[in-house]
Protein backbone atom coordinates (compact mmCIF):
# COMPACT_ATOMS: atom_id res chain seq x y z
CA MET A 1 -148.66 -39.07 12.75
CA THR A 2 -146.89 -39.77 9.47
CA ASP A 3 -144.54 -37.33 8.38
CA THR A 4 -145.46 -36.05 4.92
CA SER A 5 -141.91 -34.32 4.06
CA PRO A 6 -141.14 -34.41 0.40
CA ILE A 7 -138.92 -37.08 -1.29
CA SER A 8 -137.57 -37.63 -4.63
CA PHE A 9 -135.11 -39.77 -6.24
CA THR A 10 -131.95 -39.94 -8.29
CA SER A 11 -129.49 -42.72 -9.36
CA SER A 12 -126.11 -44.22 -8.46
CA ASN A 13 -123.35 -44.43 -11.00
CA ARG A 14 -124.48 -47.91 -11.72
CA GLY A 15 -128.28 -47.18 -12.45
CA LYS A 16 -129.42 -47.98 -8.86
CA ARG A 17 -132.29 -45.83 -7.37
CA LEU A 18 -131.33 -43.61 -4.48
CA LEU A 19 -133.62 -41.82 -2.43
CA VAL A 20 -133.32 -38.21 -1.68
CA TYR A 21 -134.59 -36.33 1.33
CA TYR A 22 -133.56 -32.87 2.47
CA GLY A 23 -130.56 -33.00 0.81
CA TYR A 24 -129.38 -36.17 1.97
CA ILE A 25 -128.92 -39.47 -0.21
CA TYR A 26 -130.41 -42.82 0.94
CA ARG A 27 -129.76 -46.31 -0.66
CA LEU A 28 -132.03 -49.34 -0.39
CA LYS A 29 -131.33 -51.57 2.29
CA LYS A 30 -134.30 -54.09 2.31
CA SER A 31 -137.66 -54.22 1.00
CA THR A 32 -140.67 -56.12 2.76
CA THR A 33 -144.48 -56.34 1.27
CA LYS A 34 -145.01 -53.43 3.62
CA ILE A 35 -142.21 -51.18 3.98
CA LYS A 36 -138.86 -50.26 2.26
CA TYR A 37 -135.69 -49.59 4.41
CA TRP A 38 -133.62 -46.77 3.07
CA SER A 39 -130.33 -45.97 4.91
CA CYS A 40 -127.82 -43.04 4.26
CA ASN A 41 -125.41 -43.38 1.76
CA SER A 42 -122.59 -42.03 3.43
CA ASN A 43 -120.61 -44.79 5.12
CA GLY A 44 -120.96 -45.23 9.02
CA CYS A 45 -124.04 -42.74 9.09
CA THR A 46 -127.07 -44.45 11.07
CA ALA A 47 -130.02 -42.18 9.62
CA ASN A 48 -132.70 -43.99 7.71
CA VAL A 49 -136.28 -43.47 6.14
CA HIS A 50 -139.05 -45.62 5.62
CA THR A 51 -141.15 -45.93 2.76
CA ASN A 52 -144.05 -47.98 1.44
CA PRO A 53 -144.09 -50.36 -1.61
CA ASN A 54 -145.25 -47.37 -3.66
CA ASP A 55 -142.48 -44.91 -2.47
CA HIS A 56 -144.63 -42.87 -0.24
CA PHE A 57 -142.87 -41.48 2.66
CA ILE A 58 -143.52 -43.05 6.19
CA LYS A 59 -140.80 -41.72 8.51
CA ALA A 60 -137.37 -40.69 8.99
CA SER A 61 -135.17 -41.75 12.10
CA GLY A 62 -131.67 -41.09 13.46
CA ASP A 63 -129.40 -38.37 12.93
CA HIS A 64 -126.69 -37.69 10.30
CA HIS A 65 -123.16 -37.16 11.42
CA HIS A 66 -122.24 -34.91 8.30
CA LEU A 67 -123.88 -32.21 6.53
CA PRO A 68 -125.86 -32.44 3.49
CA SER A 69 -124.14 -32.40 0.02
CA PRO A 70 -127.02 -30.69 -2.24
CA GLU A 71 -124.04 -30.45 -4.94
CA GLN A 72 -123.95 -33.98 -5.37
CA ILE A 73 -127.81 -34.14 -5.84
CA GLU A 74 -127.52 -31.81 -8.38
CA LEU A 75 -124.55 -33.85 -10.11
CA ARG A 76 -126.48 -37.17 -9.56
CA ASN A 77 -129.52 -35.54 -11.21
CA LEU A 78 -127.74 -34.31 -14.34
CA MET A 79 -126.19 -37.83 -15.03
CA LYS A 80 -129.38 -39.49 -14.72
CA LYS A 81 -130.75 -37.32 -17.20
CA VAL A 82 -127.71 -37.61 -19.67
CA LYS A 83 -127.77 -41.64 -19.14
CA ASP A 84 -131.46 -41.69 -19.96
CA ARG A 85 -131.06 -39.83 -23.24
CA VAL A 86 -127.88 -41.81 -24.17
CA GLN A 87 -129.58 -45.13 -23.73
CA VAL A 88 -132.49 -44.03 -26.25
CA GLU A 89 -131.01 -41.48 -28.66
CA THR A 90 -127.90 -42.05 -31.33
CA THR A 91 -126.89 -38.06 -30.67
CA SER A 92 -123.37 -38.07 -29.77
CA VAL A 93 -122.59 -38.72 -26.33
CA PRO A 94 -120.45 -35.09 -25.68
CA LYS A 95 -123.35 -33.12 -27.39
CA ILE A 96 -126.11 -35.22 -25.15
CA TYR A 97 -123.97 -33.96 -22.16
CA GLU A 98 -123.48 -30.63 -23.14
CA GLU A 99 -127.03 -30.26 -23.88
CA GLU A 100 -128.23 -31.36 -20.11
CA LEU A 101 -125.29 -29.53 -18.58
CA ALA A 102 -126.85 -26.32 -20.05
CA ARG A 103 -130.29 -27.20 -19.17
CA SER A 104 -129.70 -28.19 -15.77
CA ASN A 105 -128.91 -24.56 -14.21
CA LEU A 106 -126.36 -25.82 -11.70
CA SER A 107 -125.56 -23.98 -8.85
CA SER A 108 -121.81 -22.38 -8.87
CA VAL A 109 -120.05 -25.33 -6.98
CA ALA A 110 -122.11 -28.36 -8.69
CA LEU A 111 -121.03 -26.25 -12.28
CA THR A 112 -117.13 -26.41 -10.74
CA LEU A 113 -117.36 -30.07 -9.87
CA ALA A 114 -119.12 -31.23 -12.91
CA SER A 115 -116.90 -33.24 -15.30
CA ILE A 116 -116.03 -31.94 -18.61
CA PRO A 117 -117.71 -33.57 -21.63
CA ALA A 118 -114.12 -35.32 -22.42
CA GLU A 119 -114.03 -36.75 -19.00
CA ALA A 120 -117.91 -37.84 -18.84
CA LYS A 121 -117.41 -39.45 -22.46
CA SER A 122 -115.74 -42.96 -21.66
CA GLY A 123 -118.32 -43.89 -18.90
CA LEU A 124 -121.23 -42.67 -20.86
CA SER A 125 -120.03 -44.51 -23.82
CA ARG A 126 -120.27 -47.64 -22.01
CA VAL A 127 -123.56 -47.15 -20.97
CA ARG A 128 -124.57 -46.64 -24.48
CA ARG A 129 -122.69 -49.76 -25.66
CA LYS A 130 -124.90 -51.84 -23.24
CA THR A 131 -128.33 -50.80 -24.58
CA THR A 132 -127.09 -50.67 -28.70
CA PRO A 133 -126.42 -53.71 -30.69
CA PRO A 134 -122.87 -54.14 -32.41
CA LEU A 135 -122.95 -52.45 -35.89
CA PRO A 136 -123.40 -54.86 -38.67
CA THR A 137 -120.38 -55.62 -40.97
CA SER A 138 -122.55 -56.75 -43.99
CA GLY A 139 -126.01 -56.72 -45.16
CA ASN A 140 -126.68 -60.02 -43.32
CA PHE A 141 -127.51 -58.94 -39.63
CA ASP A 142 -130.15 -59.92 -37.01
CA ILE A 143 -132.48 -56.87 -35.82
CA PRO A 144 -133.26 -57.18 -32.13
CA ASP A 145 -137.11 -56.81 -31.34
CA VAL A 146 -136.60 -53.46 -29.91
CA TYR A 147 -135.95 -52.54 -33.47
CA ARG A 148 -138.63 -54.32 -34.88
CA GLN A 149 -141.38 -52.35 -33.18
CA THR A 150 -142.85 -48.68 -32.95
CA LEU A 151 -142.05 -46.66 -29.94
CA ASN A 152 -145.55 -47.92 -28.57
CA GLY A 153 -144.61 -51.68 -29.52
CA GLU A 154 -146.52 -52.34 -32.40
CA PRO A 155 -145.07 -54.40 -35.03
CA PHE A 156 -143.03 -52.27 -37.62
CA ILE A 157 -141.09 -54.51 -39.98
CA CYS A 158 -143.59 -55.61 -42.03
CA ASN A 159 -141.18 -57.39 -44.52
CA ASP A 160 -137.35 -58.48 -44.05
CA LYS A 161 -136.49 -60.90 -46.95
CA THR A 162 -133.48 -61.90 -48.98
CA THR A 163 -133.46 -62.74 -52.70
CA ASN A 164 -130.40 -63.18 -54.54
CA LYS A 165 -128.42 -61.38 -51.89
CA LYS A 166 -130.55 -58.53 -52.17
CA ARG A 167 -132.08 -57.91 -48.87
CA ILE A 168 -135.50 -55.51 -48.70
CA LEU A 169 -136.56 -54.24 -45.35
CA ILE A 170 -140.06 -52.38 -45.42
CA PHE A 171 -141.20 -50.54 -42.37
CA ALA A 172 -144.88 -49.87 -42.16
CA THR A 173 -147.53 -50.62 -39.40
CA ASP A 174 -150.92 -52.15 -40.44
CA LYS A 175 -152.71 -48.48 -39.93
CA GLN A 176 -150.07 -47.10 -42.14
CA LEU A 177 -150.62 -49.85 -44.95
CA GLU A 178 -154.32 -49.51 -44.56
CA ILE A 179 -154.01 -45.63 -45.49
CA LEU A 180 -151.62 -46.77 -48.33
CA PHE A 181 -153.84 -49.29 -49.58
CA SER A 182 -157.14 -46.89 -49.53
CA SER A 183 -155.39 -44.24 -51.28
CA GLU A 184 -156.13 -43.52 -55.19
CA TRP A 185 -152.94 -41.40 -55.12
CA ILE A 186 -149.53 -42.83 -54.14
CA PHE A 187 -146.26 -40.99 -54.27
CA LEU A 188 -143.00 -42.30 -54.68
CA ASP A 189 -139.54 -41.24 -54.03
CA GLY A 190 -136.07 -42.32 -52.81
CA THR A 191 -133.35 -40.86 -50.92
CA PHE A 192 -129.54 -41.85 -50.60
CA ASP A 193 -128.02 -39.64 -48.09
CA ALA A 194 -129.65 -41.07 -45.22
CA CYS A 195 -129.26 -44.53 -46.26
CA PRO A 196 -126.91 -46.70 -44.35
CA LYS A 197 -124.13 -48.34 -46.00
CA GLU A 198 -125.56 -52.03 -45.80
CA PHE A 199 -128.44 -50.38 -48.29
CA LYS A 200 -128.20 -48.75 -51.64
CA GLN A 201 -131.38 -46.43 -51.03
CA ILE A 202 -134.47 -45.58 -48.98
CA TYR A 203 -137.44 -45.68 -50.64
CA THR A 204 -140.82 -44.04 -49.31
CA ILE A 205 -144.20 -44.73 -50.47
CA HIS A 206 -146.77 -42.02 -49.60
CA GLY A 207 -150.46 -42.09 -49.52
CA LEU A 208 -153.28 -39.73 -49.21
CA LYS A 209 -155.61 -39.35 -46.14
CA PHE A 210 -157.75 -35.99 -45.48
CA TYR A 211 -155.96 -34.39 -48.31
CA GLN A 212 -152.61 -34.90 -46.62
CA ASN A 213 -149.80 -37.06 -47.54
CA PHE A 214 -148.29 -39.67 -45.31
CA PRO A 215 -145.44 -41.66 -45.45
CA CYS A 216 -146.92 -45.53 -45.16
CA ALA A 217 -144.19 -47.55 -46.37
CA ILE A 218 -140.60 -46.61 -45.96
CA SER A 219 -138.12 -49.54 -47.29
CA LEU A 220 -134.41 -50.12 -47.45
CA LEU A 221 -133.39 -51.51 -50.68
CA SER A 222 -130.28 -53.19 -51.79
CA GLY A 223 -130.88 -52.36 -55.42
CA LYS A 224 -132.56 -49.56 -57.85
CA THR A 225 -133.10 -52.59 -60.63
CA THR A 226 -136.76 -53.24 -62.02
CA ASP A 227 -136.70 -56.51 -60.12
CA THR A 228 -136.06 -54.59 -56.65
CA TYR A 229 -139.06 -52.69 -57.25
CA ARG A 230 -141.18 -55.63 -58.43
CA GLN A 231 -140.50 -57.09 -55.29
CA LEU A 232 -141.16 -54.26 -53.18
CA PHE A 233 -144.58 -54.08 -54.99
CA HIS A 234 -145.03 -57.70 -54.52
CA GLU A 235 -144.75 -57.70 -50.82
CA LEU A 236 -147.13 -54.90 -50.53
CA GLU A 237 -149.96 -56.78 -52.44
CA TYR A 238 -149.32 -59.54 -50.18
CA HIS A 239 -149.99 -57.44 -47.18
CA ALA A 240 -153.18 -56.04 -48.96
CA GLU A 241 -154.34 -59.27 -49.45
CA ARG A 242 -153.50 -60.21 -45.56
CA LEU A 243 -155.39 -57.13 -44.69
CA LYS A 244 -158.49 -58.33 -46.89
CA LEU A 245 -157.91 -55.19 -48.98
CA LYS A 246 -156.78 -54.08 -52.47
CA PHE A 247 -153.61 -52.33 -53.80
CA LEU A 248 -154.81 -50.93 -56.91
CA PRO A 249 -153.90 -46.91 -56.70
CA VAL A 250 -155.28 -44.91 -59.64
CA HIS A 251 -152.48 -42.46 -59.61
CA ILE A 252 -148.86 -43.23 -59.27
CA MET A 253 -146.43 -40.26 -59.09
CA SER A 254 -142.78 -41.30 -59.19
CA ASP A 255 -139.48 -39.47 -60.04
CA PHE A 256 -140.30 -39.85 -63.91
CA GLU A 257 -144.25 -39.25 -63.87
CA THR A 258 -144.31 -36.31 -61.73
CA SER A 259 -141.78 -34.09 -63.03
CA LEU A 260 -143.74 -31.22 -64.19
CA ILE A 261 -140.47 -30.28 -65.80
CA LYS A 262 -137.97 -32.02 -63.73
CA VAL A 263 -137.39 -34.91 -66.05
CA VAL A 264 -139.16 -33.41 -69.24
CA LYS A 265 -137.05 -30.16 -68.68
CA GLU A 266 -133.89 -30.96 -66.95
CA LYS A 267 -133.10 -34.50 -67.74
CA SER A 268 -133.85 -33.92 -71.60
CA LEU A 269 -134.88 -30.57 -72.87
CA TYR A 270 -132.36 -28.89 -71.23
CA LYS A 271 -129.75 -31.61 -72.45
CA GLN A 272 -131.05 -31.01 -75.98
CA ILE A 273 -130.73 -26.96 -75.73
CA GLN A 274 -127.04 -27.69 -74.56
CA SER A 275 -125.98 -30.33 -77.09
CA LEU A 276 -127.85 -27.98 -79.95
CA GLY A 277 -125.57 -25.32 -78.65
CA LEU A 278 -128.54 -23.00 -78.03
CA VAL A 279 -127.38 -22.10 -74.31
CA THR A 280 -125.82 -18.68 -75.22
CA ALA A 281 -128.64 -17.93 -77.33
CA TYR A 282 -131.06 -19.01 -74.65
CA PHE A 283 -129.52 -16.35 -72.27
CA ASN A 284 -129.41 -13.52 -74.94
CA ASP A 285 -132.27 -14.02 -77.35
CA GLU A 286 -135.52 -13.69 -75.42
CA ASP A 287 -137.69 -15.06 -78.37
CA ILE A 288 -135.60 -18.45 -78.05
CA ARG A 289 -135.78 -18.37 -74.50
CA LEU A 290 -139.83 -18.01 -74.85
CA GLY A 291 -139.67 -20.65 -77.27
CA CYS A 292 -137.91 -23.17 -74.84
CA ARG A 293 -140.03 -22.09 -71.97
CA SER A 294 -143.17 -22.46 -73.97
CA THR A 295 -142.26 -26.24 -74.89
CA ILE A 296 -141.72 -27.29 -71.38
CA ALA A 297 -144.87 -25.57 -70.28
CA LEU A 298 -146.59 -27.99 -72.82
CA ALA A 299 -146.38 -30.17 -69.60
CA LEU A 300 -149.15 -28.14 -68.17
CA LEU A 301 -151.22 -27.52 -71.08
CA PRO A 302 -154.50 -29.66 -71.05
CA ALA A 303 -153.70 -32.54 -73.45
CA ASP A 304 -155.97 -31.88 -75.98
CA TYR A 305 -154.50 -28.57 -76.62
CA VAL A 306 -150.53 -29.83 -76.66
CA GLU A 307 -150.51 -30.83 -80.62
CA GLU A 308 -152.24 -27.38 -82.00
CA ALA A 309 -150.08 -25.19 -79.43
CA PHE A 310 -146.89 -26.97 -80.66
CA GLU A 311 -147.50 -26.33 -84.25
CA LEU A 312 -148.33 -22.73 -83.40
CA LEU A 313 -145.03 -22.67 -81.54
CA GLU A 314 -143.09 -23.91 -84.23
CA ASP A 315 -144.66 -21.31 -86.79
CA ASP A 316 -143.99 -18.55 -84.47
CA SER A 317 -140.19 -19.23 -83.56
CA SER A 318 -136.97 -18.68 -85.58
CA GLU A 319 -135.19 -21.44 -87.50
CA ASP A 320 -132.72 -21.60 -85.06
CA MET A 321 -135.15 -23.51 -82.98
CA ALA A 322 -135.70 -26.14 -85.76
CA GLU A 323 -133.85 -28.88 -84.34
CA PHE A 324 -134.97 -28.47 -81.22
CA PHE A 325 -138.59 -28.81 -82.11
CA LEU A 326 -137.83 -31.95 -84.42
CA TYR A 327 -136.20 -33.52 -81.09
CA PHE A 328 -139.44 -32.88 -79.10
CA ARG A 329 -141.72 -33.85 -81.69
CA LYS A 330 -139.70 -37.25 -82.32
CA GLN A 331 -139.26 -37.86 -78.58
CA TRP A 332 -142.15 -36.48 -76.66
CA LEU A 333 -144.83 -36.15 -79.07
CA LYS A 334 -144.45 -39.76 -80.85
CA ARG A 335 -142.36 -41.96 -78.64
CA VAL A 336 -143.54 -41.15 -75.16
CA PRO A 337 -147.15 -41.07 -74.58
CA LYS A 338 -148.32 -37.73 -73.18
CA LYS A 339 -149.87 -39.45 -70.23
CA TYR A 340 -146.60 -40.04 -68.84
CA TRP A 341 -145.39 -36.26 -69.11
CA ASN A 342 -148.45 -34.22 -69.41
CA VAL A 343 -149.90 -33.37 -65.76
CA SER A 344 -152.67 -30.93 -66.60
CA THR A 345 -155.36 -33.18 -65.27
CA LEU A 346 -153.51 -34.38 -61.97
CA GLU A 347 -154.60 -32.40 -58.74
CA PHE A 348 -150.83 -32.79 -57.60
CA ARG A 349 -148.59 -31.56 -60.19
CA THR A 350 -145.12 -32.19 -58.23
CA ASN A 351 -143.46 -34.75 -56.09
CA ASN A 352 -142.58 -31.51 -53.71
CA PHE A 353 -143.90 -33.03 -50.49
CA THR A 354 -142.22 -36.28 -51.04
CA GLU A 355 -139.18 -34.64 -51.80
CA GLY A 356 -139.84 -32.39 -48.73
CA TRP A 357 -140.47 -35.03 -46.37
CA HIS A 358 -137.10 -36.58 -47.43
CA ASN A 359 -135.04 -33.49 -47.01
CA LYS A 360 -136.94 -33.16 -43.52
CA PHE A 361 -136.03 -36.66 -42.93
CA ASN A 362 -132.18 -36.16 -43.91
CA ASN A 363 -132.41 -33.49 -41.19
CA ARG A 364 -133.71 -35.41 -38.52
CA GLY A 365 -131.13 -38.24 -39.17
CA GLN A 366 -128.54 -35.42 -38.62
CA LYS A 367 -125.76 -37.24 -40.55
CA HIS A 368 -124.95 -38.86 -43.75
CA HIS A 369 -125.30 -42.71 -44.21
CA PRO A 370 -126.19 -43.08 -40.42
CA ASN A 371 -125.70 -46.68 -38.76
CA ILE A 372 -128.92 -48.82 -39.18
CA TRP A 373 -129.61 -48.46 -35.33
CA HIS A 374 -129.66 -44.87 -35.67
CA LEU A 375 -131.79 -44.86 -38.86
CA ILE A 376 -134.38 -46.93 -37.30
CA GLU A 377 -134.48 -45.08 -34.50
CA CYS A 378 -135.49 -42.06 -36.70
CA LEU A 379 -137.87 -44.04 -38.61
CA GLN A 380 -139.70 -45.26 -34.80
CA ARG A 381 -139.86 -41.46 -34.29
CA GLU A 382 -141.44 -41.02 -37.89
CA GLU A 383 -144.18 -43.49 -37.07
CA LEU A 384 -144.96 -41.69 -33.93
CA SER A 385 -145.14 -38.56 -36.18
CA PHE A 386 -147.31 -40.08 -38.38
CA ARG A 387 -149.86 -41.18 -35.46
CA HIS A 388 -149.63 -37.56 -34.16
CA LYS A 389 -150.50 -36.10 -37.74
CA LEU A 390 -153.25 -38.42 -38.37
CA GLY A 391 -154.94 -38.31 -34.95
CA ARG A 392 -154.95 -34.35 -35.40
CA LEU A 393 -156.69 -34.36 -38.54
CA LYS A 394 -159.33 -36.76 -37.42
CA CYS A 395 -160.14 -34.23 -34.93
CA GLY A 396 -160.06 -31.51 -37.63
CA PHE A 397 -157.11 -29.90 -36.79
CA GLN A 398 -155.91 -28.87 -40.51
CA LYS A 399 -152.35 -28.51 -41.65
CA LYS A 400 -151.57 -25.21 -43.06
CA SER A 401 -151.32 -25.28 -46.91
CA ASP A 402 -148.48 -24.57 -49.14
CA ASP A 403 -149.69 -21.09 -50.05
CA LYS A 404 -146.96 -20.96 -53.03
CA SER A 405 -148.21 -24.29 -54.31
CA CYS A 406 -151.97 -23.17 -53.94
CA THR A 407 -151.02 -19.85 -55.66
CA THR A 408 -149.67 -21.51 -58.48
CA ARG A 409 -152.45 -23.83 -59.02
CA GLN A 410 -154.93 -20.79 -59.02
CA GLN A 411 -152.89 -18.78 -61.69
CA ILE A 412 -153.22 -22.18 -63.82
CA GLN A 413 -156.72 -22.55 -63.28
CA LYS A 414 -157.33 -18.87 -63.97
CA MET A 415 -155.42 -18.96 -67.35
CA ALA A 416 -157.40 -22.20 -68.37
CA LYS A 417 -160.54 -20.39 -67.72
CA ASN A 418 -159.61 -17.18 -69.59
CA TYR A 419 -158.98 -19.42 -72.57
CA GLU A 420 -162.24 -21.47 -72.12
CA GLU A 421 -164.00 -18.29 -72.57
CA GLU A 422 -162.12 -17.02 -75.36
CA GLU A 423 -160.39 -14.14 -73.41
CA SER A 424 -157.18 -15.35 -74.55
CA THR A 425 -155.60 -17.27 -77.18
CA LEU A 426 -153.78 -20.68 -76.84
CA MET A 427 -150.53 -19.16 -77.62
CA GLU A 428 -151.40 -16.48 -74.94
CA PHE A 429 -152.31 -19.50 -72.38
CA LEU A 430 -149.01 -21.29 -73.08
CA HIS A 431 -146.80 -18.17 -72.96
CA GLY A 432 -148.68 -17.70 -69.51
CA LEU A 433 -147.75 -20.71 -68.70
CA SER A 434 -144.10 -20.33 -69.50
CA THR A 435 -143.93 -17.30 -67.12
CA LEU A 436 -144.76 -19.84 -64.42
CA ILE A 437 -141.93 -21.70 -65.07
CA ALA A 438 -139.53 -19.18 -65.39
CA LYS A 439 -140.77 -17.80 -62.09
CA ASN A 440 -140.31 -21.19 -60.26
CA SER A 441 -137.38 -22.39 -62.05
CA LYS A 442 -134.25 -23.29 -60.00
CA THR A 443 -132.29 -23.82 -63.47
CA VAL A 444 -131.62 -22.46 -66.64
CA ALA A 445 -135.22 -22.62 -67.69
């Protein structure tokens, strides 16, 4: 009768498979087409175990001349978990060891026998070096196949080209590209903190599906020039043609065009407030503060009302604001078309979720300017997150809405309705928008 006693497996220090049976450890002695023969790992012991090729227990024979050592099994299991993580993660070796040690719930004796992190680091680092390619010393390096694929083995790098010594890497699966090319809205944003030293920035293009944003193309760029961005979009257009699609977004929201106030205010208007010496007056004079905020709020006002509202704002403000209004008229009413800064008709008024994605991604990377292999592993996990989120939305699961963003949109819609129904004046509408700016501002405005 076949013995059905439980068996399990662990690993030797060199990664070889070991069988565990009732507290004893066995190593594989030989294998045939029908039977695997396992011998006790203790020198001179004749006890053995037989399993079939699928590792199902057949029988045990012979007697051990020594006592079992459950603590050694605990420690081997601990080290197996640590080595498994060390080979696939870029978390520091001591941190992985400490985390697994804390989770292992070792017996008191096994805990005493366990190495401290500093003692284990050297051997574990050798394990990591066997699976991680050398760090590049320049932007001209080869990428092993394991880093060119997603975690489920799909092609992941859709572009790897160098032009005039400027290399561009684009990470995107065909599914991500299909969502990008079918999206009327695309959102562009860059980050520098998580960028490896061989490149200048990580630039992400998000698309919309099921009213949710998805990171669809994540690129490593060697520059920030117009030519760099032109080449990036040229490569994406090539892939659109390859997939028999067109890359013709209706709305493109970037760091400039989606600022709601970010560029119009922080990059320009606030600088004018400073250069005109209005900062002190801004803090001390409520009328000047209202005038500045109302000027910023023109970005939220329907474009057809902007010039009329600006005229009313000029007439209603003190002479101290004259130079500020002169600047706004020349720069933003005459020189820059309203379509580039007025966002009243846009369904998505900020790039907050792309910025939020970058913040989350930077936290996931756990370090500033990580090495290229660490970054690609983070991108591979991000692609897995993409598939997970897309699958859930396809099945009807909905992401929780941003309550703050929804409330702001509802307030703007309510104010617009009040004005259209003549329940408020144009200046009351504009001043209401300026209050929203004051509520949501993190700067002087």
